[in-house]
Amino acid sequence: MMASLLHDYRQNVGDSFRYRNLSTNNIDSYQGNSALNKKSFIFQCIT
C-alpha cells in the first residue's frame, strides 16, 4: 500500500519510482551482517 502511494506521488511530480521487496534473506540475527545485507540491497535498487 505504501509503495502505491509513493508511486502515485512520484508520478504526479514527474519522477520515476523503483520498488523492490525486502526479503527475509536480507535479515540476520547478527546485527552487523543485517547491515551489510541491507547495504547490498540498497545498492542493487539504485543501480
Foldseek 3Di string as FASTA:
>chain_A
DVLVVVQVVCVVVPHHDFDDDDDPVLDDPDVVSNVVSVVVVVVVRVD
